[in-house]
Amino acid sequence: MLRHEFRPGRLVAGFFLTLAGVIYAGDAGGAWETPWFAIIPVVTAGLCLAGATALAGRAIRRRRTPAEPTGTPDRPQPQRQGRPERQG
């Protein structure tokens, strides 16, 4: 049983930010030499991929959820909380 819903976009973002940390840690430890600007494309690409993954995951999750139940005459559908829908 899952304790929380799976968020693939956060997984991808976390991977790329961890990769950026490993790159800087390797540079600080003297394992290799990394220019200061090398992290910018890694983080930018990671965030773009994370956004695309999150959008794809949301589209899949939306398609799989069942439609909201409609009300019956003796039991009307409950009103949703939040922003009112536009009329017109």
N, C-alpha and C. Protein backbone atom coordinates (compact mmCIF):
# COMPACT_ATOMS: atom_id res chain seq x y z
N MET A 1 0.84 -1.17 0.00
CA MET A 1 0.00 0.00 0.00
C MET A 1 0.89 1.24 0.00
N LEU A 2 0.59 2.17 -0.88
CA LEU A 2 1.37 3.40 -0.96
C LEU A 2 1.00 4.35 0.18
N ARG A 3 2.00 4.99 0.74
CA ARG A 3 1.75 5.96 1.81
C ARG A 3 1.45 7.35 1.26
N HIS A 4 1.88 7.59 0.05
CA HIS A 4 1.61 8.87 -0.62
C HIS A 4 1.62 8.63 -2.11
N GLU A 5 1.09 9.59 -2.85
CA GLU A 5 1.05 9.40 -4.29
C GLU A 5 2.43 9.64 -4.91
N PHE A 6 2.70 8.94 -5.97
CA PHE A 6 3.99 9.01 -6.64
C PHE A 6 4.06 10.27 -7.48
N ARG A 7 5.10 11.05 -7.31
CA ARG A 7 5.31 12.28 -8.06
C ARG A 7 6.58 12.15 -8.89
N PRO A 8 6.46 11.73 -10.16
CA PRO A 8 7.66 11.50 -10.96
C PRO A 8 8.44 12.78 -11.26
N GLY A 9 7.78 13.91 -11.34
CA GLY A 9 8.48 15.17 -11.61
C GLY A 9 9.44 15.53 -10.49
N ARG A 10 9.03 15.29 -9.27
CA ARG A 10 9.91 15.57 -8.13
C ARG A 10 11.09 14.61 -8.10
N LEU A 11 10.85 13.38 -8.52
CA LEU A 11 11.94 12.40 -8.59
C LEU A 11 13.00 12.84 -9.59
N VAL A 12 12.57 13.30 -10.76
CA VAL A 12 13.51 13.75 -11.79
C VAL A 12 14.25 15.00 -11.32
N ALA A 13 13.54 15.95 -10.73
CA ALA A 13 14.18 17.17 -10.23
C ALA A 13 15.18 16.83 -9.14
N GLY A 14 14.83 15.94 -8.24
CA GLY A 14 15.74 15.54 -7.18
C GLY A 14 16.99 14.87 -7.72
N PHE A 15 16.82 14.05 -8.75
CA PHE A 15 17.98 13.38 -9.35
C PHE A 15 18.96 14.39 -9.93
N PHE A 16 18.45 15.36 -10.70
CA PHE A 16 19.34 16.33 -11.34
C PHE A 16 19.98 17.28 -10.33
N LEU A 17 19.26 17.65 -9.28
CA LEU A 17 19.86 18.51 -8.26
C LEU A 17 20.90 17.73 -7.45
N THR A 18 20.66 16.44 -7.22
CA THR A 18 21.67 15.61 -6.57
C THR A 18 22.90 15.47 -7.46
N LEU A 19 22.67 15.30 -8.76
CA LEU A 19 23.78 15.24 -9.70
C LEU A 19 24.61 16.52 -9.66
N ALA A 20 23.95 17.68 -9.57
CA ALA A 20 24.68 18.95 -9.47
C ALA A 20 25.50 18.99 -8.19
N GLY A 21 24.94 18.50 -7.09
CA GLY A 21 25.68 18.44 -5.84
C GLY A 21 26.88 17.52 -5.92
N VAL A 22 26.74 16.38 -6.58
CA VAL A 22 27.86 15.45 -6.75
C VAL A 22 28.96 16.07 -7.61
N ILE A 23 28.55 16.80 -8.65
CA ILE A 23 29.55 17.47 -9.50
C ILE A 23 30.36 18.48 -8.70
N TYR A 24 29.67 19.30 -7.90
CA TYR A 24 30.39 20.27 -7.09
C TYR A 24 31.20 19.61 -5.98
N ALA A 25 30.68 18.52 -5.40
CA ALA A 25 31.43 17.82 -4.35
C ALA A 25 32.70 17.20 -4.92
N GLY A 26 32.62 16.67 -6.14
CA GLY A 26 33.82 16.12 -6.77
C GLY A 26 34.85 17.20 -7.04
N ASP A 27 34.37 18.37 -7.42
CA ASP A 27 35.29 19.49 -7.65
C ASP A 27 35.92 19.95 -6.33
N ALA A 28 35.11 20.04 -5.29
CA ALA A 28 35.63 20.49 -3.99
C ALA A 28 36.60 19.47 -3.40
N GLY A 29 36.35 18.19 -3.65
CA GLY A 29 37.22 17.15 -3.12
C GLY A 29 38.49 16.96 -3.92
N GLY A 30 38.59 17.59 -5.06
CA GLY A 30 39.78 17.49 -5.89
C GLY A 30 39.78 16.31 -6.84
N ALA A 31 38.64 15.65 -7.01
CA ALA A 31 38.57 14.50 -7.91
C ALA A 31 38.62 14.95 -9.37
N TRP A 32 38.06 16.10 -9.67
CA TRP A 32 38.09 16.66 -11.02
C TRP A 32 37.92 18.17 -10.94
N GLU A 33 38.13 18.84 -12.03
CA GLU A 33 37.99 20.30 -12.11
C GLU A 33 36.70 20.63 -12.85
N THR A 34 35.83 21.40 -12.22
CA THR A 34 34.55 21.77 -12.82
C THR A 34 34.47 23.28 -12.94
N PRO A 35 34.22 23.81 -14.12
CA PRO A 35 34.03 25.27 -14.24
C PRO A 35 32.74 25.69 -13.51
N TRP A 36 32.69 26.91 -13.04
CA TRP A 36 31.56 27.37 -12.24
C TRP A 36 30.25 27.34 -13.02
N PHE A 37 30.30 27.51 -14.34
CA PHE A 37 29.08 27.59 -15.15
C PHE A 37 28.58 26.23 -15.63
N ALA A 38 29.26 25.16 -15.32
CA ALA A 38 28.87 23.84 -15.81
C ALA A 38 27.56 23.34 -15.20
N ILE A 39 27.20 23.85 -14.05
CA ILE A 39 25.99 23.39 -13.36
C ILE A 39 24.72 23.99 -13.98
N ILE A 40 24.83 25.14 -14.59
CA ILE A 40 23.66 25.82 -15.14
C ILE A 40 22.91 24.94 -16.15
N PRO A 41 23.56 24.33 -17.15
CA PRO A 41 22.80 23.48 -18.07
C PRO A 41 22.26 22.21 -17.41
N VAL A 42 22.99 21.68 -16.42
CA VAL A 42 22.51 20.48 -15.73
C VAL A 42 21.21 20.77 -14.98
N VAL A 43 21.20 21.86 -14.22
CA VAL A 43 20.02 22.21 -13.44
C VAL A 43 18.87 22.64 -14.35
N THR A 44 19.17 23.42 -15.39
CA THR A 44 18.12 23.87 -16.31
C THR A 44 17.48 22.69 -17.04
N ALA A 45 18.30 21.79 -17.56
CA ALA A 45 17.76 20.61 -18.24
C ALA A 45 16.96 19.75 -17.27
N GLY A 46 17.45 19.61 -16.05
CA GLY A 46 16.75 18.81 -15.06
C GLY A 46 15.39 19.39 -14.71
N LEU A 47 15.32 20.69 -14.53
CA LEU A 47 14.04 21.31 -14.21
C LEU A 47 13.06 21.24 -15.38
N CYS A 48 13.57 21.39 -16.60
CA CYS A 48 12.70 21.26 -17.78
C CYS A 48 12.16 19.84 -17.91
N LEU A 49 13.03 18.86 -17.73
CA LEU A 49 12.57 17.47 -17.78
C LEU A 49 11.62 17.14 -16.64
N ALA A 50 11.86 17.71 -15.47
CA ALA A 50 10.96 17.49 -14.34
C ALA A 50 9.58 18.07 -14.62
N GLY A 51 9.54 19.26 -15.23
CA GLY A 51 8.25 19.86 -15.58
C GLY A 51 7.50 19.04 -16.61
N ALA A 52 8.22 18.56 -17.63
CA ALA A 52 7.58 17.73 -18.65
C ALA A 52 7.09 16.41 -18.05
N THR A 53 7.87 15.83 -17.16
CA THR A 53 7.47 14.58 -16.51
C THR A 53 6.26 14.80 -15.62
N ALA A 54 6.24 15.91 -14.90
CA ALA A 54 5.10 16.21 -14.03
C ALA A 54 3.83 16.42 -14.85
N LEU A 55 3.94 17.10 -15.98
CA LEU A 55 2.77 17.31 -16.84
C LEU A 55 2.25 15.98 -17.41
N ALA A 56 3.17 15.13 -17.83
CA ALA A 56 2.76 13.83 -18.36
C ALA A 56 2.12 12.98 -17.26
N GLY A 57 2.70 13.00 -16.07
CA GLY A 57 2.13 12.24 -14.96
C GLY A 57 0.76 12.75 -14.58
N ARG A 58 0.58 14.06 -14.59
CA ARG A 58 -0.73 14.62 -14.26
C ARG A 58 -1.77 14.26 -15.31
N ALA A 59 -1.37 14.28 -16.58
CA ALA A 59 -2.30 13.93 -17.65
C ALA A 59 -2.73 12.47 -17.53
N ILE A 60 -1.79 11.60 -17.22
CA ILE A 60 -2.12 10.19 -17.05
C ILE A 60 -3.01 9.98 -15.84
N ARG A 61 -2.68 10.65 -14.73
CA ARG A 61 -3.47 10.50 -13.51
C ARG A 61 -4.88 11.05 -13.70
N ARG A 62 -5.01 12.16 -14.43
CA ARG A 62 -6.34 12.74 -14.69
C ARG A 62 -7.21 11.81 -15.52
N ARG A 63 -6.60 11.16 -16.50
CA ARG A 63 -7.35 10.28 -17.39
C ARG A 63 -7.84 9.03 -16.65
N ARG A 64 -7.09 8.59 -15.64
CA ARG A 64 -7.43 7.37 -14.93
C ARG A 64 -8.44 7.57 -13.81
N THR A 65 -8.62 8.78 -13.32
CA THR A 65 -9.55 8.99 -12.21
C THR A 65 -10.98 8.93 -12.74
N PRO A 66 -11.88 8.33 -11.98
CA PRO A 66 -13.27 8.24 -12.42
C PRO A 66 -13.94 9.61 -12.37
N ALA A 67 -14.97 9.76 -13.15
CA ALA A 67 -15.72 11.01 -13.19
C ALA A 67 -16.41 11.22 -11.85
N GLU A 68 -16.66 12.49 -11.52
CA GLU A 68 -17.34 12.79 -10.27
C GLU A 68 -18.77 12.26 -10.32
N PRO A 69 -19.25 11.73 -9.21
CA PRO A 69 -20.62 11.20 -9.21
C PRO A 69 -21.64 12.34 -9.34
N THR A 70 -22.68 12.06 -10.07
CA THR A 70 -23.75 13.05 -10.22
C THR A 70 -24.79 12.82 -9.15
N GLY A 71 -25.48 13.86 -8.81
CA GLY A 71 -26.49 13.78 -7.77
C GLY A 71 -27.80 13.19 -8.28
N THR A 72 -28.63 12.77 -7.37
CA THR A 72 -29.97 12.28 -7.69
C THR A 72 -30.96 13.29 -7.15
N PRO A 73 -32.24 13.21 -7.55
CA PRO A 73 -33.20 14.21 -7.07
C PRO A 73 -33.32 14.25 -5.54
N ASP A 74 -33.27 13.11 -4.86
CA ASP A 74 -33.40 13.13 -3.41
C ASP A 74 -32.05 13.39 -2.71
N ARG A 75 -30.93 13.20 -3.42
CA ARG A 75 -29.61 13.48 -2.85
C ARG A 75 -28.81 14.30 -3.86
N PRO A 76 -28.90 15.64 -3.81
CA PRO A 76 -28.18 16.46 -4.79
C PRO A 76 -26.67 16.35 -4.60
N GLN A 77 -25.99 16.68 -5.67
CA GLN A 77 -24.53 16.63 -5.65
C GLN A 77 -24.01 17.72 -4.71
N PRO A 78 -23.03 17.41 -3.86
CA PRO A 78 -22.50 18.43 -2.94
C PRO A 78 -21.77 19.53 -3.70
N GLN A 79 -21.83 20.74 -3.16
CA GLN A 79 -21.16 21.87 -3.77
C GLN A 79 -19.67 21.79 -3.50
N ARG A 80 -18.87 22.16 -4.49
CA ARG A 80 -17.42 22.13 -4.36
C ARG A 80 -16.95 23.39 -3.66
N GLN A 81 -15.93 23.26 -2.82
CA GLN A 81 -15.32 24.41 -2.16
C GLN A 81 -14.29 25.01 -3.10
N GLY A 82 -14.05 26.27 -2.96
CA GLY A 82 -13.01 26.91 -3.77
C GLY A 82 -13.57 28.02 -4.63
N ARG A 83 -12.92 28.25 -5.76
CA ARG A 83 -13.28 29.34 -6.63
C ARG A 83 -14.61 29.04 -7.31
N PRO A 84 -15.54 29.99 -7.33
CA PRO A 84 -16.83 29.75 -8.00
C PRO A 84 -16.63 29.66 -9.52
N GLU A 85 -17.45 28.84 -10.15
CA GLU A 85 -17.37 28.71 -11.59
C GLU A 85 -18.03 29.89 -12.27
N ARG A 86 -17.57 30.21 -13.47
CA ARG A 86 -18.11 31.35 -14.21
C ARG A 86 -19.49 31.02 -14.77
N GLN A 87 -20.34 32.00 -14.75
CA GLN A 87 -21.67 31.85 -15.36
C GLN A 87 -21.67 32.66 -16.64
N GLY A 88 -22.08 32.03 -17.73
CA GLY A 88 -22.22 32.81 -18.94
C GLY A 88 -21.34 32.48 -20.01
